[in-house]
Amino acid sequence: MVDKLEIDWESGQARIGSSKGVIQCPIDSPETFRALSDAWLKCGWQNKQVYTFTWMGRPVIQLPEDMVRTQEVLYRLRPDVIVETGIAHGGSLIFYASLCKMFGKGRVIGVDIEIRPQNRAALESHEMFDCIELLEGDSNALETVEQVKSMIRPNETVFVMLDGNHTRDHVAQELKNYSPLVTVGSYIVAADGLMQELAGLKRFDDDRPNDDWRTNNPQVAAQAFAKENPNFILETPEFEFNESPLTDPVTYAPGGWLKRIR
């Protein structure tokens, strides 16, 4: 974690401080980009920057780079079904549905413990809704999991995004419940693992304590799941196109991509 960052544009150098000490790097280096990105992610979270975007008219509380990177994977996989836990305003469901439309195949199943009436109405009246199925219920309740399973036909390919309740234990249970749905070569993603890096930080409109995020987060759940399940590996998808020296995405979901390999 970067504790201090100094940029000197005249000299073209950056000084990056962390618990390991201070290093000096050229500004045009992957190390400086990573440090700047880490600072930007934290500052953006504190200022709720992801709460400023919509997709086809619906608020989408996602980092734009995460959306583009996910699109790259989905375009390659062309799954028959995309399952997402956590609906909120429904922007992500609309995003996935619009991709399905462009791909010429696929549909989206959205699960949430509560779908607010105004959000349901907005989704049901949206032009993308014919690719979406909504399911209200606790994502870890047995009846909910069984209902999702019943909505997936034999031999359909499946991609799963876990983006609802982000506590370690809840995500761990979701991984156990929904990973069997994922087809070989596809992924189940534990979103918002960045919480680990945000522990102790405050938002301008929220002073609730979050020190437990250091261990109580989706990234920890994903790491434990990968150790216990030989059918999955932690694998952040490689960039589909890259003419830069950069190899890591700027993401809210570090260490959250689990690929089914068998």
Protein backbone atom coordinates (compact mmCIF):
# COMPACT_ATOMS: atom_id res chain seq x y z
CA MET A 1 0.00 0.00 0.00
CA VAL A 2 1.32 3.44 -0.96
CA ASP A 3 1.54 5.79 2.02
CA LYS A 4 3.11 8.79 0.32
CA LEU A 5 3.47 9.90 -3.27
CA GLU A 6 5.39 12.89 -4.63
CA ILE A 7 5.36 13.82 -8.32
CA ASP A 8 7.96 16.15 -9.82
CA TRP A 9 6.91 16.87 -13.39
CA GLU A 10 10.00 18.98 -14.09
CA SER A 11 12.42 16.19 -13.27
CA GLY A 12 10.07 13.47 -14.52
CA GLN A 13 10.51 11.55 -11.28
CA ALA A 14 8.18 10.20 -8.60
CA ARG A 15 8.95 9.31 -5.00
CA ILE A 16 6.78 6.47 -3.72
CA GLY A 17 6.67 5.70 -0.02
CA SER A 18 5.31 2.55 1.58
CA SER A 19 5.93 0.33 4.60
CA LYS A 20 8.88 -1.11 2.67
CA GLY A 21 10.56 2.28 2.34
CA VAL A 22 10.83 4.97 -0.33
CA ILE A 23 11.68 4.35 -3.97
CA GLN A 24 12.23 6.80 -6.81
CA CYS A 25 10.85 5.98 -10.24
CA PRO A 26 10.40 7.75 -13.58
CA ILE A 27 6.90 9.11 -13.98
CA ASP A 28 6.51 7.07 -17.17
CA SER A 29 7.00 3.78 -15.35
CA PRO A 30 4.50 1.05 -14.42
CA GLU A 31 5.46 1.54 -10.76
CA THR A 32 4.41 5.20 -10.81
CA PHE A 33 1.22 4.40 -12.70
CA ARG A 34 0.35 1.76 -10.10
CA ALA A 35 0.97 4.19 -7.23
CA LEU A 36 -1.08 6.93 -8.88
CA SER A 37 -3.85 4.45 -9.65
CA ASP A 38 -3.94 3.25 -6.04
CA ALA A 39 -4.25 6.84 -4.83
CA TRP A 40 -6.92 7.59 -7.43
CA LEU A 41 -8.94 4.51 -6.45
CA LYS A 42 -8.91 5.49 -2.78
CA CYS A 43 -9.74 9.15 -3.44
CA GLY A 44 -12.43 8.13 -5.93
CA TRP A 45 -14.01 5.81 -3.37
CA GLN A 46 -13.98 8.53 -0.72
CA ASN A 47 -15.70 10.92 -3.15
CA LYS A 48 -18.14 8.27 -4.52
CA GLN A 49 -16.91 8.78 -8.07
CA VAL A 50 -18.55 5.55 -9.24
CA TYR A 51 -21.89 7.06 -8.23
CA THR A 52 -21.73 9.45 -11.19
CA PHE A 53 -22.34 7.07 -14.11
CA THR A 54 -25.34 5.59 -15.92
CA TRP A 55 -25.68 2.89 -18.56
CA MET A 56 -28.56 3.42 -20.95
CA GLY A 57 -30.33 5.61 -18.41
CA ARG A 58 -29.85 3.50 -15.27
CA PRO A 59 -27.33 4.33 -12.52
CA VAL A 60 -24.44 1.88 -12.72
CA ILE A 61 -22.28 1.93 -9.60
CA GLN A 62 -19.21 0.47 -11.26
CA LEU A 63 -15.71 1.57 -12.15
CA PRO A 64 -15.67 2.16 -15.92
CA GLU A 65 -12.46 0.16 -16.38
CA ASP A 66 -14.05 -2.79 -14.60
CA MET A 67 -16.96 -2.60 -17.02
CA VAL A 68 -14.71 -2.55 -20.07
CA ARG A 69 -12.52 -5.39 -18.78
CA THR A 70 -15.61 -7.48 -18.00
CA GLN A 71 -16.91 -6.77 -21.51
CA GLU A 72 -13.66 -8.10 -22.94
CA VAL A 73 -14.12 -11.39 -21.10
CA LEU A 74 -17.81 -11.70 -21.94
CA TYR A 75 -17.19 -11.02 -25.63
CA ARG A 76 -14.67 -13.85 -25.67
CA LEU A 77 -16.84 -16.27 -23.68
CA ARG A 78 -20.28 -15.37 -25.13
CA PRO A 79 -22.05 -17.02 -22.16
CA ASP A 80 -25.65 -18.15 -22.45
CA VAL A 81 -26.40 -16.91 -18.93
CA ILE A 82 -24.92 -14.14 -16.78
CA VAL A 83 -25.92 -14.36 -13.11
CA GLU A 84 -25.44 -11.28 -10.93
CA THR A 85 -26.14 -11.06 -7.22
CA GLY A 86 -26.79 -7.48 -6.14
CA ILE A 87 -29.06 -5.31 -8.29
CA ALA A 88 -29.28 -1.83 -6.70
CA HIS A 89 -30.52 0.50 -9.48
CA GLY A 90 -30.07 -2.19 -12.11
CA GLY A 91 -27.45 -0.46 -14.23
CA SER A 92 -25.19 -3.50 -14.33
CA LEU A 93 -28.06 -5.73 -15.42
CA ILE A 94 -28.82 -3.31 -18.26
CA PHE A 95 -25.12 -3.25 -19.16
CA TYR A 96 -24.92 -7.05 -19.35
CA ALA A 97 -28.22 -7.26 -21.23
CA SER A 98 -27.01 -4.74 -23.80
CA LEU A 99 -23.90 -6.85 -24.35
CA CYS A 100 -26.07 -9.93 -24.84
CA LYS A 101 -28.06 -8.02 -27.45
CA MET A 102 -24.89 -7.04 -29.27
CA PHE A 103 -23.53 -10.59 -29.07
CA GLY A 104 -26.79 -11.94 -30.45
CA LYS A 105 -27.17 -14.39 -27.56
CA GLY A 106 -27.48 -14.62 -23.81
CA ARG A 107 -29.65 -13.43 -20.96
CA VAL A 108 -29.13 -12.06 -17.45
CA ILE A 109 -30.45 -13.28 -14.09
CA GLY A 110 -30.39 -10.62 -11.35
CA VAL A 111 -30.74 -11.60 -7.69
CA ASP A 112 -31.22 -9.27 -4.73
CA ILE A 113 -32.64 -9.58 -1.24
CA GLU A 114 -34.76 -6.47 -1.95
CA ILE A 115 -35.68 -4.98 -5.31
CA ARG A 116 -37.10 -1.55 -4.61
CA PRO A 117 -40.39 -0.89 -6.41
CA GLN A 118 -39.07 2.14 -8.31
CA ASN A 119 -36.05 0.17 -9.52
CA ARG A 120 -38.16 -2.81 -10.55
CA ALA A 121 -40.52 -0.52 -12.45
CA ALA A 122 -37.63 1.20 -14.23
CA LEU A 123 -36.08 -2.12 -15.20
CA GLU A 124 -39.32 -3.72 -16.34
CA SER A 125 -40.04 -0.74 -18.62
CA HIS A 126 -36.51 -0.65 -20.07
CA GLU A 127 -35.89 -1.71 -23.66
CA MET A 128 -33.30 -4.25 -22.48
CA PHE A 129 -35.64 -6.04 -20.08
CA ASP A 130 -36.49 -8.85 -22.49
CA CYS A 131 -32.98 -10.20 -21.75
CA ILE A 132 -33.36 -9.91 -17.96
CA GLU A 133 -34.95 -12.08 -15.29
CA LEU A 134 -35.32 -10.70 -11.75
CA LEU A 135 -35.32 -12.81 -8.61
CA GLU A 136 -35.97 -11.28 -5.19
CA GLY A 137 -34.56 -13.16 -2.22
CA ASP A 138 -31.48 -13.77 -0.10
CA SER A 139 -28.85 -14.93 -2.58
CA ASN A 140 -27.67 -17.58 -0.12
CA ALA A 141 -31.09 -18.92 0.80
CA LEU A 142 -31.53 -22.49 -0.43
CA GLU A 143 -34.79 -21.67 -2.23
CA THR A 144 -33.12 -18.76 -4.06
CA VAL A 145 -30.15 -20.84 -5.18
CA GLU A 146 -32.45 -23.63 -6.36
CA GLN A 147 -34.58 -21.13 -8.25
CA VAL A 148 -31.53 -19.76 -10.05
CA LYS A 149 -30.46 -23.31 -10.94
CA SER A 150 -33.91 -24.01 -12.36
CA MET A 151 -33.60 -20.97 -14.66
CA ILE A 152 -30.48 -22.38 -16.33
CA ARG A 153 -31.00 -24.99 -19.02
CA PRO A 154 -28.76 -28.04 -19.51
CA ASN A 155 -25.50 -27.38 -21.37
CA GLU A 156 -25.81 -23.59 -21.11
CA THR A 157 -22.59 -21.70 -20.43
CA VAL A 158 -22.64 -19.53 -17.31
CA PHE A 159 -20.72 -16.52 -15.94
CA VAL A 160 -21.37 -15.30 -12.37
CA MET A 161 -20.76 -11.88 -10.80
CA LEU A 162 -21.12 -11.58 -7.00
CA ASP A 163 -21.79 -7.92 -6.25
CA GLY A 164 -24.31 -7.76 -3.42
CA ASN A 165 -23.44 -8.26 0.24
CA HIS A 166 -19.65 -7.94 0.44
CA THR A 167 -18.89 -9.46 3.85
CA ARG A 168 -16.34 -12.28 3.79
CA ASP A 169 -18.73 -14.91 5.14
CA HIS A 170 -21.58 -13.99 2.79
CA VAL A 171 -19.32 -14.05 -0.27
CA ALA A 172 -17.75 -17.32 0.88
CA GLN A 173 -21.21 -18.88 1.00
CA GLU A 174 -22.15 -17.41 -2.38
CA LEU A 175 -18.99 -18.89 -3.88
CA LYS A 176 -19.96 -22.28 -2.48
CA ASN A 177 -23.54 -21.96 -3.76
CA TYR A 178 -22.98 -20.49 -7.22
CA SER A 179 -19.62 -21.90 -8.32
CA PRO A 180 -21.20 -25.22 -9.43
CA LEU A 181 -23.16 -23.23 -12.03
CA VAL A 182 -20.00 -21.89 -13.69
CA THR A 183 -18.90 -23.72 -16.82
CA VAL A 184 -15.30 -24.73 -17.49
CA GLY A 185 -13.35 -21.78 -18.89
CA SER A 186 -15.75 -19.23 -17.42
CA TYR A 187 -15.51 -17.23 -14.20
CA ILE A 188 -17.18 -16.43 -10.92
CA VAL A 189 -16.13 -12.96 -9.74
CA ALA A 190 -16.11 -11.65 -6.17
CA ALA A 191 -16.48 -7.90 -6.70
CA ASP A 192 -15.23 -5.09 -4.46
CA GLY A 193 -12.17 -6.79 -2.99
CA LEU A 194 -10.66 -3.29 -2.91
CA MET A 195 -12.31 -3.01 0.50
CA GLN A 196 -9.12 -4.54 1.90
CA GLU A 197 -7.17 -1.44 0.82
CA LEU A 198 -9.88 0.98 1.99
CA ALA A 199 -9.97 -0.15 5.62
CA GLY A 200 -9.77 2.84 7.93
CA LEU A 201 -10.65 5.40 5.24
CA LYS A 202 -13.81 7.50 5.48
CA ARG A 203 -16.22 8.84 2.90
CA PHE A 204 -17.37 12.45 3.03
CA ASP A 205 -20.92 11.32 3.82
CA ASP A 206 -20.28 8.20 5.93
CA ASP A 207 -18.26 7.95 9.13
CA ARG A 208 -19.15 4.37 10.04
CA PRO A 209 -16.13 2.34 11.19
CA ASN A 210 -14.70 -0.05 8.61
CA ASP A 211 -11.43 -1.19 10.16
CA ASP A 212 -12.60 -4.82 9.88
CA TRP A 213 -12.48 -4.54 6.08
CA ARG A 214 -8.82 -5.59 6.25
CA THR A 215 -10.01 -9.17 6.69
CA ASN A 216 -13.77 -8.94 6.21
CA ASN A 217 -13.94 -8.55 2.44
CA PRO A 218 -14.59 -10.49 -0.80
CA GLN A 219 -10.91 -10.83 -1.69
CA VAL A 220 -10.21 -12.87 1.44
CA ALA A 221 -13.21 -15.08 0.64
CA ALA A 222 -12.00 -15.63 -2.93
CA GLN A 223 -8.49 -16.53 -1.79
CA ALA A 224 -9.79 -19.08 0.70
CA PHE A 225 -12.15 -20.54 -1.90
CA ALA A 226 -9.34 -20.99 -4.42
CA LYS A 227 -7.23 -22.86 -1.86
CA GLU A 228 -10.07 -25.24 -1.05
CA ASN A 229 -11.43 -25.84 -4.56
CA PRO A 230 -9.14 -27.46 -7.15
CA ASN A 231 -11.70 -26.78 -9.88
CA PHE A 232 -10.95 -23.04 -9.70
CA ILE A 233 -7.89 -20.82 -9.84
CA LEU A 234 -7.47 -17.13 -9.08
CA GLU A 235 -6.77 -15.61 -12.47
CA THR A 236 -7.18 -11.98 -13.45
CA PRO A 237 -7.89 -12.06 -17.20
CA GLU A 238 -5.06 -10.77 -19.37
CA PHE A 239 -5.67 -7.66 -21.46
CA GLU A 240 -7.15 -8.54 -24.86
CA PHE A 241 -5.09 -5.71 -26.39
CA ASN A 242 -1.99 -4.13 -24.90
CA GLU A 243 0.69 -1.89 -26.41
CA SER A 244 1.77 -0.59 -22.99
CA PRO A 245 4.17 -1.81 -20.29
CA LEU A 246 1.19 -2.17 -17.93
CA THR A 247 -0.11 -5.59 -16.96
CA ASP A 248 -2.52 -4.98 -14.06
CA PRO A 249 -6.02 -3.50 -14.32
CA VAL A 250 -7.15 -0.51 -12.28
CA THR A 251 -9.97 -2.28 -10.51
CA TYR A 252 -12.37 -2.46 -7.59
CA ALA A 253 -12.13 -6.27 -7.74
CA PRO A 254 -8.48 -7.20 -7.14
CA GLY A 255 -7.99 -10.90 -6.51
CA GLY A 256 -11.63 -11.58 -7.23
CA TRP A 257 -11.63 -13.40 -10.57
CA LEU A 258 -11.95 -17.17 -10.15
CA LYS A 259 -11.67 -19.24 -13.33
CA ARG A 260 -13.11 -22.73 -13.56
CA ILE A 261 -10.47 -25.04 -15.01
CA ARG A 262 -12.12 -28.45 -14.62
